[in-house]
N, C-alpha and C. Protein backbone atom coordinates (compact mmCIF):
# COMPACT_ATOMS: atom_id res chain seq x y z
N MET A 1 -20.29 3.59 -23.50
CA MET A 1 -19.14 4.44 -23.26
C MET A 1 -17.89 3.55 -23.13
N GLY A 2 -16.81 3.92 -23.79
CA GLY A 2 -15.58 3.16 -23.76
C GLY A 2 -14.73 3.49 -22.54
N VAL A 3 -13.68 2.72 -22.37
CA VAL A 3 -12.81 2.89 -21.21
C VAL A 3 -12.13 4.25 -21.22
N HIS A 4 -11.70 4.72 -22.38
CA HIS A 4 -11.04 6.04 -22.43
C HIS A 4 -12.01 7.14 -22.01
N GLU A 5 -13.27 7.01 -22.40
CA GLU A 5 -14.28 8.01 -21.98
C GLU A 5 -14.54 7.92 -20.48
N ARG A 6 -14.56 6.70 -19.94
CA ARG A 6 -14.75 6.55 -18.49
C ARG A 6 -13.57 7.15 -17.73
N LEU A 7 -12.36 6.94 -18.25
CA LEU A 7 -11.19 7.56 -17.63
C LEU A 7 -11.35 9.08 -17.59
N ALA A 8 -11.73 9.66 -18.72
CA ALA A 8 -11.90 11.11 -18.79
C ALA A 8 -12.99 11.57 -17.82
N GLU A 9 -14.06 10.80 -17.73
CA GLU A 9 -15.16 11.13 -16.81
C GLU A 9 -14.67 11.16 -15.37
N LEU A 10 -13.71 10.29 -15.05
CA LEU A 10 -13.13 10.23 -13.70
C LEU A 10 -12.00 11.24 -13.50
N GLY A 11 -11.69 12.00 -14.56
CA GLY A 11 -10.61 12.97 -14.48
C GLY A 11 -9.23 12.33 -14.56
N LEU A 12 -9.16 11.14 -15.16
CA LEU A 12 -7.89 10.41 -15.26
C LEU A 12 -7.47 10.28 -16.72
N THR A 13 -6.19 10.16 -16.94
CA THR A 13 -5.66 9.88 -18.27
C THR A 13 -4.65 8.76 -18.15
N LEU A 14 -4.50 8.02 -19.23
CA LEU A 14 -3.47 6.99 -19.25
C LEU A 14 -2.11 7.65 -19.42
N PRO A 15 -1.14 7.23 -18.63
CA PRO A 15 0.21 7.76 -18.81
C PRO A 15 0.88 7.09 -20.00
N SER A 16 2.06 7.54 -20.34
CA SER A 16 2.89 6.83 -21.31
C SER A 16 3.32 5.52 -20.68
N VAL A 17 3.59 4.53 -21.51
CA VAL A 17 4.03 3.24 -20.99
C VAL A 17 5.37 3.43 -20.27
N VAL A 18 5.45 2.89 -19.07
CA VAL A 18 6.68 2.99 -18.29
C VAL A 18 7.72 2.05 -18.89
N PRO A 19 8.89 2.58 -19.25
CA PRO A 19 9.94 1.71 -19.80
C PRO A 19 10.38 0.68 -18.76
N PRO A 20 10.65 -0.54 -19.18
CA PRO A 20 11.10 -1.58 -18.24
C PRO A 20 12.42 -1.18 -17.57
N VAL A 21 12.58 -1.58 -16.31
CA VAL A 21 13.83 -1.34 -15.60
C VAL A 21 14.68 -2.61 -15.56
N GLY A 22 14.33 -3.59 -16.39
CA GLY A 22 15.06 -4.85 -16.46
C GLY A 22 14.85 -5.49 -17.82
N ALA A 23 15.15 -6.78 -17.89
CA ALA A 23 15.07 -7.54 -19.14
C ALA A 23 13.69 -8.18 -19.30
N TYR A 24 12.69 -7.37 -19.58
CA TYR A 24 11.32 -7.83 -19.76
C TYR A 24 10.57 -6.81 -20.60
N VAL A 25 9.33 -7.14 -20.96
CA VAL A 25 8.47 -6.21 -21.68
C VAL A 25 7.29 -5.84 -20.79
N PRO A 26 6.64 -4.70 -21.03
CA PRO A 26 5.54 -4.26 -20.17
C PRO A 26 4.31 -5.18 -20.18
N ALA A 27 4.04 -5.81 -21.35
CA ALA A 27 2.87 -6.69 -21.44
C ALA A 27 3.10 -7.70 -22.56
N VAL A 28 2.49 -8.88 -22.39
CA VAL A 28 2.60 -9.95 -23.37
C VAL A 28 1.22 -10.54 -23.61
N ARG A 29 0.92 -10.78 -24.88
CA ARG A 29 -0.34 -11.45 -25.22
C ARG A 29 -0.03 -12.90 -25.59
N THR A 30 -0.84 -13.81 -25.05
CA THR A 30 -0.80 -15.20 -25.46
C THR A 30 -2.24 -15.65 -25.62
N GLY A 31 -2.62 -16.03 -26.81
CA GLY A 31 -4.01 -16.38 -27.08
C GLY A 31 -4.92 -15.21 -26.79
N SER A 32 -5.92 -15.44 -25.96
CA SER A 32 -6.88 -14.38 -25.65
C SER A 32 -6.57 -13.68 -24.32
N LEU A 33 -5.36 -13.88 -23.79
CA LEU A 33 -4.99 -13.25 -22.52
C LEU A 33 -3.82 -12.30 -22.71
N VAL A 34 -3.86 -11.20 -21.96
CA VAL A 34 -2.73 -10.29 -21.87
C VAL A 34 -2.29 -10.26 -20.41
N PHE A 35 -1.00 -10.48 -20.19
CA PHE A 35 -0.38 -10.43 -18.87
C PHE A 35 0.51 -9.20 -18.82
N THR A 36 0.33 -8.37 -17.80
CA THR A 36 1.25 -7.25 -17.65
C THR A 36 2.38 -7.66 -16.71
N SER A 37 3.52 -7.06 -16.91
CA SER A 37 4.58 -7.16 -15.92
C SER A 37 4.13 -6.36 -14.70
N GLY A 38 4.76 -6.61 -13.58
CA GLY A 38 4.44 -5.82 -12.40
C GLY A 38 4.69 -4.36 -12.68
N GLN A 39 3.70 -3.54 -12.40
CA GLN A 39 3.79 -2.10 -12.67
C GLN A 39 3.93 -1.34 -11.36
N LEU A 40 4.87 -0.43 -11.35
CA LEU A 40 5.10 0.44 -10.20
C LEU A 40 4.30 1.73 -10.39
N PRO A 41 4.12 2.51 -9.33
CA PRO A 41 3.35 3.76 -9.45
C PRO A 41 4.17 4.92 -10.00
N MET A 42 4.86 4.67 -11.10
CA MET A 42 5.70 5.71 -11.70
C MET A 42 4.85 6.85 -12.26
N VAL A 43 5.31 8.06 -12.03
CA VAL A 43 4.70 9.26 -12.60
C VAL A 43 5.84 10.05 -13.24
N GLU A 44 5.80 10.12 -14.56
CA GLU A 44 6.84 10.84 -15.31
C GLU A 44 8.24 10.43 -14.89
N GLY A 45 8.45 9.12 -14.76
CA GLY A 45 9.78 8.59 -14.51
C GLY A 45 10.24 8.51 -13.07
N SER A 46 9.37 8.90 -12.14
CA SER A 46 9.79 8.79 -10.74
C SER A 46 8.65 8.28 -9.87
N LEU A 47 9.02 7.79 -8.70
CA LEU A 47 8.03 7.30 -7.74
C LEU A 47 7.58 8.44 -6.84
N PRO A 48 6.26 8.63 -6.69
CA PRO A 48 5.78 9.71 -5.83
C PRO A 48 5.98 9.44 -4.34
N ALA A 49 6.24 8.17 -3.98
CA ALA A 49 6.49 7.83 -2.58
C ALA A 49 7.33 6.56 -2.55
N VAL A 50 8.15 6.43 -1.53
CA VAL A 50 8.92 5.21 -1.31
C VAL A 50 8.81 4.81 0.16
N GLY A 51 9.12 3.58 0.42
CA GLY A 51 9.10 3.09 1.80
C GLY A 51 7.99 2.08 2.02
N LYS A 52 7.90 1.63 3.24
CA LYS A 52 6.94 0.58 3.59
C LYS A 52 5.61 1.17 4.07
N VAL A 53 4.55 0.47 3.71
CA VAL A 53 3.22 0.83 4.20
C VAL A 53 3.17 0.43 5.68
N GLY A 54 2.69 1.33 6.50
CA GLY A 54 2.68 1.12 7.94
C GLY A 54 3.85 1.82 8.62
N ALA A 55 4.75 2.39 7.82
CA ALA A 55 5.88 3.17 8.36
C ALA A 55 5.88 4.53 7.68
N LEU A 56 6.61 4.67 6.55
CA LEU A 56 6.69 5.95 5.85
C LEU A 56 5.46 6.26 5.00
N VAL A 57 4.73 5.23 4.62
CA VAL A 57 3.59 5.39 3.70
C VAL A 57 2.31 4.95 4.41
N THR A 58 1.29 5.81 4.35
CA THR A 58 0.01 5.47 4.98
C THR A 58 -0.78 4.51 4.08
N PRO A 59 -1.71 3.77 4.65
CA PRO A 59 -2.55 2.91 3.82
C PRO A 59 -3.33 3.69 2.75
N GLU A 60 -3.76 4.89 3.07
CA GLU A 60 -4.49 5.71 2.10
C GLU A 60 -3.59 6.11 0.94
N GLN A 61 -2.37 6.52 1.25
CA GLN A 61 -1.40 6.84 0.19
C GLN A 61 -1.14 5.61 -0.68
N ALA A 62 -0.98 4.47 -0.05
CA ALA A 62 -0.68 3.24 -0.78
C ALA A 62 -1.85 2.84 -1.68
N LYS A 63 -3.07 3.06 -1.24
CA LYS A 63 -4.24 2.78 -2.08
C LYS A 63 -4.21 3.65 -3.33
N ASP A 64 -3.87 4.92 -3.18
CA ASP A 64 -3.73 5.82 -4.34
C ASP A 64 -2.60 5.35 -5.26
N LEU A 65 -1.51 4.86 -4.67
CA LEU A 65 -0.39 4.35 -5.46
C LEU A 65 -0.80 3.10 -6.24
N ALA A 66 -1.65 2.26 -5.65
CA ALA A 66 -2.15 1.07 -6.35
C ALA A 66 -2.96 1.49 -7.58
N GLN A 67 -3.70 2.58 -7.47
CA GLN A 67 -4.44 3.09 -8.63
C GLN A 67 -3.47 3.55 -9.71
N LEU A 68 -2.39 4.22 -9.33
CA LEU A 68 -1.38 4.65 -10.31
C LEU A 68 -0.74 3.45 -10.99
N CYS A 69 -0.43 2.42 -10.22
CA CYS A 69 0.12 1.19 -10.81
C CYS A 69 -0.84 0.63 -11.85
N THR A 70 -2.12 0.64 -11.53
CA THR A 70 -3.14 0.10 -12.42
C THR A 70 -3.24 0.92 -13.69
N LEU A 71 -3.16 2.23 -13.58
CA LEU A 71 -3.14 3.08 -14.78
C LEU A 71 -1.94 2.75 -15.65
N ASN A 72 -0.79 2.49 -15.03
CA ASN A 72 0.39 2.11 -15.81
C ASN A 72 0.21 0.76 -16.48
N ALA A 73 -0.44 -0.17 -15.80
CA ALA A 73 -0.72 -1.48 -16.40
C ALA A 73 -1.70 -1.34 -17.57
N LEU A 74 -2.71 -0.51 -17.39
CA LEU A 74 -3.67 -0.28 -18.47
C LEU A 74 -3.00 0.39 -19.67
N ALA A 75 -2.04 1.26 -19.42
CA ALA A 75 -1.30 1.90 -20.51
C ALA A 75 -0.52 0.84 -21.30
N ALA A 76 0.06 -0.12 -20.59
CA ALA A 76 0.80 -1.19 -21.27
C ALA A 76 -0.14 -2.05 -22.11
N ILE A 77 -1.32 -2.33 -21.59
CA ILE A 77 -2.32 -3.11 -22.34
C ILE A 77 -2.79 -2.31 -23.56
N ASP A 78 -3.06 -1.03 -23.35
CA ASP A 78 -3.52 -0.17 -24.44
C ASP A 78 -2.49 -0.12 -25.57
N ALA A 79 -1.22 -0.01 -25.22
CA ALA A 79 -0.17 0.05 -26.23
C ALA A 79 -0.04 -1.27 -27.00
N LEU A 80 -0.34 -2.38 -26.33
CA LEU A 80 -0.18 -3.69 -26.96
C LEU A 80 -1.37 -4.06 -27.83
N VAL A 81 -2.60 -3.92 -27.30
CA VAL A 81 -3.79 -4.39 -28.03
C VAL A 81 -4.92 -3.38 -28.09
N GLY A 82 -4.82 -2.30 -27.33
CA GLY A 82 -5.92 -1.33 -27.24
C GLY A 82 -6.90 -1.73 -26.15
N LEU A 83 -7.30 -0.78 -25.33
CA LEU A 83 -8.23 -1.09 -24.23
C LEU A 83 -9.59 -1.51 -24.73
N SER A 84 -9.95 -1.11 -25.94
CA SER A 84 -11.26 -1.52 -26.49
C SER A 84 -11.31 -3.02 -26.76
N ALA A 85 -10.15 -3.69 -26.79
CA ALA A 85 -10.11 -5.14 -27.01
C ALA A 85 -10.35 -5.93 -25.73
N VAL A 86 -10.33 -5.25 -24.57
CA VAL A 86 -10.47 -5.96 -23.30
C VAL A 86 -11.91 -6.43 -23.13
N VAL A 87 -12.06 -7.73 -22.93
CA VAL A 87 -13.37 -8.35 -22.70
C VAL A 87 -13.68 -8.37 -21.20
N ARG A 88 -12.67 -8.70 -20.40
CA ARG A 88 -12.84 -8.71 -18.95
C ARG A 88 -11.49 -8.70 -18.26
N VAL A 89 -11.48 -8.23 -17.04
CA VAL A 89 -10.31 -8.33 -16.18
C VAL A 89 -10.40 -9.69 -15.50
N VAL A 90 -9.36 -10.48 -15.63
CA VAL A 90 -9.37 -11.84 -15.09
C VAL A 90 -8.77 -11.89 -13.69
N LYS A 91 -7.59 -11.27 -13.51
CA LYS A 91 -6.89 -11.37 -12.24
C LYS A 91 -6.07 -10.13 -11.97
N VAL A 92 -6.02 -9.76 -10.71
CA VAL A 92 -5.15 -8.69 -10.21
C VAL A 92 -4.26 -9.31 -9.14
N VAL A 93 -2.98 -9.04 -9.24
CA VAL A 93 -2.04 -9.44 -8.20
C VAL A 93 -1.41 -8.16 -7.66
N GLY A 94 -1.54 -7.95 -6.36
CA GLY A 94 -0.99 -6.76 -5.74
C GLY A 94 0.04 -7.13 -4.69
N PHE A 95 1.19 -6.50 -4.78
CA PHE A 95 2.25 -6.68 -3.79
C PHE A 95 2.38 -5.39 -3.00
N VAL A 96 2.41 -5.50 -1.68
CA VAL A 96 2.48 -4.33 -0.82
C VAL A 96 3.69 -4.49 0.10
N ALA A 97 4.68 -3.63 -0.06
CA ALA A 97 5.83 -3.63 0.84
C ALA A 97 5.36 -3.00 2.14
N SER A 98 5.37 -3.80 3.21
CA SER A 98 4.77 -3.31 4.44
C SER A 98 5.55 -3.79 5.67
N THR A 99 5.29 -3.11 6.76
CA THR A 99 5.89 -3.51 8.02
C THR A 99 5.30 -4.85 8.44
N ALA A 100 5.99 -5.53 9.35
CA ALA A 100 5.54 -6.84 9.80
C ALA A 100 4.18 -6.79 10.47
N GLU A 101 3.84 -5.66 11.09
CA GLU A 101 2.56 -5.54 11.81
C GLU A 101 1.40 -5.20 10.88
N PHE A 102 1.69 -4.68 9.71
CA PHE A 102 0.62 -4.20 8.82
C PHE A 102 -0.09 -5.39 8.17
N THR A 103 -1.41 -5.40 8.27
CA THR A 103 -2.21 -6.50 7.70
C THR A 103 -3.30 -5.99 6.77
N GLY A 104 -3.21 -4.74 6.34
CA GLY A 104 -4.25 -4.15 5.51
C GLY A 104 -3.96 -4.21 4.02
N GLN A 105 -3.20 -5.19 3.57
CA GLN A 105 -2.87 -5.29 2.14
C GLN A 105 -4.11 -5.32 1.25
N PRO A 106 -5.18 -6.05 1.61
CA PRO A 106 -6.37 -6.04 0.75
C PRO A 106 -6.96 -4.65 0.53
N ALA A 107 -6.98 -3.83 1.57
CA ALA A 107 -7.52 -2.47 1.43
C ALA A 107 -6.64 -1.63 0.51
N VAL A 108 -5.33 -1.84 0.54
CA VAL A 108 -4.43 -1.12 -0.37
C VAL A 108 -4.71 -1.52 -1.81
N VAL A 109 -4.81 -2.81 -2.07
CA VAL A 109 -5.02 -3.31 -3.43
C VAL A 109 -6.42 -2.96 -3.95
N ASN A 110 -7.32 -2.58 -3.04
CA ASN A 110 -8.63 -2.07 -3.49
C ASN A 110 -8.48 -0.84 -4.38
N GLY A 111 -7.37 -0.13 -4.27
CA GLY A 111 -7.12 1.00 -5.17
C GLY A 111 -7.13 0.55 -6.62
N ALA A 112 -6.61 -0.64 -6.88
CA ALA A 112 -6.64 -1.21 -8.23
C ALA A 112 -8.03 -1.76 -8.55
N SER A 113 -8.56 -2.56 -7.66
CA SER A 113 -9.84 -3.23 -7.91
C SER A 113 -10.99 -2.26 -8.11
N GLU A 114 -11.05 -1.22 -7.28
CA GLU A 114 -12.14 -0.25 -7.41
C GLU A 114 -12.05 0.51 -8.72
N LEU A 115 -10.84 0.89 -9.14
CA LEU A 115 -10.68 1.58 -10.41
C LEU A 115 -11.13 0.69 -11.56
N LEU A 116 -10.73 -0.57 -11.56
CA LEU A 116 -11.12 -1.49 -12.64
C LEU A 116 -12.62 -1.67 -12.69
N GLY A 117 -13.28 -1.71 -11.53
CA GLY A 117 -14.73 -1.79 -11.49
C GLY A 117 -15.39 -0.56 -12.10
N LYS A 118 -14.85 0.62 -11.80
CA LYS A 118 -15.40 1.85 -12.37
C LYS A 118 -15.22 1.91 -13.88
N LEU A 119 -14.10 1.39 -14.36
CA LEU A 119 -13.79 1.47 -15.79
C LEU A 119 -14.48 0.41 -16.63
N PHE A 120 -14.58 -0.80 -16.09
CA PHE A 120 -15.08 -1.93 -16.88
C PHE A 120 -16.42 -2.48 -16.39
N GLY A 121 -16.98 -1.94 -15.32
CA GLY A 121 -18.25 -2.45 -14.80
C GLY A 121 -18.11 -3.90 -14.38
N ASP A 122 -19.12 -4.72 -14.68
CA ASP A 122 -19.08 -6.14 -14.30
C ASP A 122 -17.88 -6.85 -14.90
N ALA A 123 -17.44 -6.43 -16.07
CA ALA A 123 -16.27 -7.05 -16.70
C ALA A 123 -14.98 -6.72 -15.94
N GLY A 124 -15.05 -5.80 -15.02
CA GLY A 124 -13.89 -5.46 -14.20
C GLY A 124 -13.80 -6.26 -12.92
N ARG A 125 -14.81 -7.08 -12.63
CA ARG A 125 -14.77 -7.95 -11.44
C ARG A 125 -13.78 -9.07 -11.71
N HIS A 126 -12.91 -9.36 -10.76
CA HIS A 126 -11.78 -10.24 -11.04
C HIS A 126 -11.39 -11.07 -9.82
N ALA A 127 -10.61 -12.10 -10.07
CA ALA A 127 -9.92 -12.82 -9.01
C ALA A 127 -8.74 -11.95 -8.58
N ARG A 128 -8.26 -12.18 -7.33
CA ARG A 128 -7.23 -11.27 -6.85
C ARG A 128 -6.37 -11.90 -5.76
N SER A 129 -5.12 -11.47 -5.71
CA SER A 129 -4.23 -11.76 -4.59
C SER A 129 -3.69 -10.43 -4.09
N ALA A 130 -3.62 -10.27 -2.78
CA ALA A 130 -3.03 -9.09 -2.14
C ALA A 130 -1.99 -9.59 -1.15
N VAL A 131 -0.72 -9.38 -1.47
CA VAL A 131 0.37 -10.02 -0.76
C VAL A 131 1.27 -8.99 -0.09
N GLY A 132 1.56 -9.19 1.17
CA GLY A 132 2.52 -8.35 1.86
C GLY A 132 3.92 -8.90 1.66
N VAL A 133 4.86 -8.02 1.35
CA VAL A 133 6.25 -8.43 1.12
C VAL A 133 7.20 -7.52 1.89
N ALA A 134 8.43 -8.00 2.08
CA ALA A 134 9.43 -7.24 2.83
C ALA A 134 9.93 -6.03 2.06
N SER A 135 10.08 -6.16 0.74
CA SER A 135 10.54 -5.03 -0.06
C SER A 135 10.16 -5.26 -1.51
N LEU A 136 10.17 -4.17 -2.28
CA LEU A 136 9.85 -4.20 -3.71
C LEU A 136 10.91 -3.38 -4.45
N PRO A 137 10.99 -3.55 -5.78
CA PRO A 137 12.00 -2.82 -6.55
C PRO A 137 11.92 -1.30 -6.33
N LEU A 138 13.07 -0.68 -6.28
CA LEU A 138 13.21 0.78 -6.13
C LEU A 138 12.59 1.30 -4.84
N ASP A 139 12.32 0.42 -3.88
CA ASP A 139 11.70 0.77 -2.60
C ASP A 139 10.26 1.28 -2.77
N THR A 140 9.62 0.86 -3.88
CA THR A 140 8.22 1.24 -4.08
C THR A 140 7.34 0.56 -3.03
N PRO A 141 6.28 1.22 -2.60
CA PRO A 141 5.39 0.60 -1.62
C PRO A 141 4.43 -0.43 -2.24
N VAL A 142 4.13 -0.29 -3.55
CA VAL A 142 3.10 -1.12 -4.18
C VAL A 142 3.52 -1.50 -5.60
N GLU A 143 3.14 -2.71 -5.99
CA GLU A 143 3.34 -3.18 -7.37
C GLU A 143 2.09 -3.96 -7.75
N ILE A 144 1.59 -3.73 -8.96
CA ILE A 144 0.35 -4.37 -9.43
C ILE A 144 0.60 -5.05 -10.77
N GLU A 145 0.05 -6.27 -10.91
CA GLU A 145 0.03 -7.01 -12.18
C GLU A 145 -1.42 -7.24 -12.57
N LEU A 146 -1.70 -7.22 -13.87
CA LEU A 146 -3.04 -7.53 -14.37
C LEU A 146 -2.98 -8.66 -15.38
N VAL A 147 -4.05 -9.44 -15.40
CA VAL A 147 -4.31 -10.40 -16.48
C VAL A 147 -5.69 -10.05 -17.01
N VAL A 148 -5.78 -9.80 -18.32
CA VAL A 148 -7.06 -9.47 -18.93
C VAL A 148 -7.32 -10.39 -20.11
N GLU A 149 -8.59 -10.63 -20.36
CA GLU A 149 -9.00 -11.37 -21.55
C GLU A 149 -9.33 -10.35 -22.64
N VAL A 150 -8.87 -10.64 -23.86
CA VAL A 150 -9.10 -9.73 -24.98
C VAL A 150 -9.73 -10.46 -26.15
N ARG A 151 -10.34 -9.68 -27.05
CA ARG A 151 -10.91 -10.26 -28.27
C ARG A 151 -9.82 -10.58 -29.24
């Protein structure tokens, strides 16, 4: 079963590629690797939530937002090379805008990691960073980057 079929099985669809909000492209291929730009949890051009995790945004909401970011990153990869070209997920980098007291960034970024595991199986197991930051673009609570190996 391919990734698109697994998405459908999970009741998910890839969104349209989110247009860049700056001077960059959504994804770049170099050799056998594709790097995505940081993806926000945009849904039809807007953020479903803003603010810091641990204040206006709950950890559970932020985990769901990390999944949305990941879907946007996968859409960028699909548009560039096609998801069927993905051999494995190499690295996930998750940024979580959070209060100074909040230390649950890894659990938030699990929203990305768990989805990738469901979609790619063992090939979805990856290295990862989960980083707490003071703020992110557009006051988004979460931003996700992916690095994948492709054929």
